[in-house]
C-alpha atoms as a PDB file:
ATOM      1  CA  MET A   1      -7.606   7.159  -6.040  1.00  0.00           C
ATOM      2  CA  ILE A   2      -5.285   6.329  -3.068  1.00  0.00           C
ATOM      3  CA  ARG A   3      -2.864   4.526  -5.271  1.00  0.00           C
ATOM      4  CA  LYS A   4      -2.753   7.577  -7.491  1.00  0.00           C
ATOM      5  CA  ARG A   5      -2.177   9.607  -4.650  1.00  0.00           C
ATOM      6  CA  PHE A   6       0.706   7.607  -3.304  1.00  0.00           C
ATOM      7  CA  LEU A   7       2.523   7.618  -6.651  1.00  0.00           C
ATOM      8  CA  ASP A   8       2.163  11.667  -6.927  1.00  0.00           C
ATOM      9  CA  VAL A   9       2.944  12.254  -3.373  1.00  0.00           C
ATOM     10  CA  TYR A  10       6.208  10.039  -4.108  1.00  0.00           C
ATOM     11  CA  ARG A  11       7.063  12.272  -6.965  1.00  0.00           C
ATOM     12  CA  ARG A  12       6.417  15.596  -5.024  1.00  0.00           C
ATOM     13  CA  ASP A  13       8.026  14.605  -1.848  1.00  0.00           C
ATOM     14  CA  ILE A  14      10.934  12.106  -2.848  1.00  0.00           C
ATOM     15  CA  LEU A  15      11.699  13.156  -6.354  1.00  0.00           C
ATOM     16  CA  LYS A  16      11.102  16.832  -5.823  1.00  0.00           C
ATOM     17  CA  GLU A  17       9.073  17.325  -8.908  1.00  0.00           C
ATOM     18  CA  ALA A  18       7.438  20.707  -8.596  1.00  0.00           C
ATOM     19  CA  GLU A  19       4.661  19.915 -11.127  1.00  0.00           C
ATOM     20  CA  ALA A  20       3.344  17.206  -8.683  1.00  0.00           C
ATOM     21  CA  GLN A  21       2.619  19.861  -6.266  1.00  0.00           C
ATOM     22  CA  GLY A  22      -1.213  19.813  -5.374  1.00  0.00           C
ATOM     23  CA  THR A  23      -2.145  17.596  -8.305  1.00  0.00           C
ATOM     24  CA  GLN A  24      -5.711  16.435  -8.508  1.00  0.00           C
ATOM     25  CA  ALA A  25      -4.834  12.926  -7.835  1.00  0.00           C
ATOM     26  CA  ILE A  26      -3.434  14.107  -4.620  1.00  0.00           C
ATOM     27  CA  LYS A  27      -6.600  15.995  -3.734  1.00  0.00           C
ATOM     28  CA  ASP A  28      -8.790  13.151  -4.670  1.00  0.00           C
ATOM     29  CA  GLY A  29      -6.683  10.555  -2.915  1.00  0.00           C
ATOM     30  CA  ASN A  30      -6.863  12.613   0.232  1.00  0.00           C
ATOM     31  CA  ARG A  31     -10.598  12.818  -0.043  1.00  0.00           C
ATOM     32  CA  ALA A  32     -10.664   8.952  -0.478  1.00  0.00           C
ATOM     33  CA  ALA A  33      -8.230   8.268   2.430  1.00  0.00           C
ATOM     34  CA  HIS A  34      -9.751  10.781   4.913  1.00  0.00           C
ATOM     35  CA  HIS A  35     -13.438  10.493   4.209  1.00  0.00           C
ATOM     36  CA  GLY A  36     -13.784   6.808   3.698  1.00  0.00           C
ATOM     37  CA  ASP A  37     -17.372   5.146   4.599  1.00  0.00           C
ATOM     38  CA  ALA A  38     -18.464   2.132   6.223  1.00  0.00           C
ATOM     39  CA  VAL A  39     -19.584   0.210   3.306  1.00  0.00           C
ATOM     40  CA  GLY A  40     -16.199   0.705   1.493  1.00  0.00           C
ATOM     41  CA  ASP A  41     -14.549  -0.347   4.870  1.00  0.00           C
ATOM     42  CA  ALA A  42     -16.621  -3.477   5.218  1.00  0.00           C
ATOM     43  CA  SER A  43     -16.151  -4.635   1.576  1.00  0.00           C
ATOM     44  CA  LEU A  44     -12.475  -5.098   2.391  1.00  0.00           C
ATOM     45  CA  TYR A  45     -13.619  -7.755   4.914  1.00  0.00           C
ATOM     46  CA  GLU A  46     -16.155  -9.215   2.648  1.00  0.00           C
ATOM     47  CA  PHE A  47     -13.421  -9.811  -0.067  1.00  0.00           C
ATOM     48  CA  GLY A  48     -10.985 -11.274   2.582  1.00  0.00           C
ATOM     49  CA  LEU A  49      -8.566  -8.135   2.199  1.00  0.00           C
ATOM     50  CA  ARG A  50      -8.487  -7.704   5.895  1.00  0.00           C
ATOM     51  CA  GLU A  51      -9.026 -10.079   8.797  1.00  0.00           C
ATOM     52  CA  ASP A  52      -9.186  -7.727  11.968  1.00  0.00           C
ATOM     53  CA  GLU A  53     -12.963  -7.283  11.854  1.00  0.00           C
ATOM     54  CA  PHE A  54     -12.883  -6.256  15.465  1.00  0.00           C
ATOM     55  CA  LEU A  55     -11.459  -2.964  14.111  1.00  0.00           C
ATOM     56  CA  LEU A  56     -14.333  -2.470  12.025  1.00  0.00           C
ATOM     57  CA  PHE A  57     -16.668  -3.144  14.887  1.00  0.00           C
ATOM     58  CA  ASP A  58     -14.893  -0.816  17.034  1.00  0.00           C
ATOM     59  CA  ILE A  59     -15.112   1.877  14.575  1.00  0.00           C
ATOM     60  CA  TYR A  60     -18.808   1.502  13.416  1.00  0.00           C
ATOM     61  CA  GLY A  61     -20.548  -0.650  16.048  1.00  0.00           C
ATOM     62  CA  PHE A  62     -21.222  -3.404  13.282  1.00  0.00           C
ATOM     63  CA  SER A  63     -19.965  -6.328  11.688  1.00  0.00           C
ATOM     64  CA  ALA A  64     -19.006  -6.240   7.895  1.00  0.00           C
ATOM     65  CA  ARG A  65     -21.829  -8.254   7.217  1.00  0.00           C
ATOM     66  CA  GLU A  66     -24.286  -6.129   8.931  1.00  0.00           C
ATOM     67  CA  ILE A  67     -22.719  -2.873   7.286  1.00  0.00           C
ATOM     68  CA  LEU A  68     -23.300  -4.436   3.933  1.00  0.00           C
ATOM     69  CA  SER A  69     -26.878  -5.576   4.682  1.00  0.00           C
ATOM     70  CA  LEU A  70     -27.855  -2.143   5.901  1.00  0.00           C
ATOM     71  CA  SER A  71     -26.484  -0.824   2.820  1.00  0.00           C
ATOM     72  CA  LYS A  72     -28.821  -2.631   0.739  1.00  0.00           C
ATOM     73  CA  CYS A  73     -31.944  -1.319   2.527  1.00  0.00           C
END
């Protein structure tokens, strides 16, 4: 959703394509970008896509492993 949002925002803001204004991809991407969740964020660390786990702990108060184990309860 976020990548689709990025491409439509590029079309809207850089290419000035009027039909890209307010597309569903932008709306969906905004929801994904601005209303994320701990499990989704923890997955980034679990799959090695991020290494700054201190940031995750600062935001949620748990490590990636703790968040993922709690989500299985």
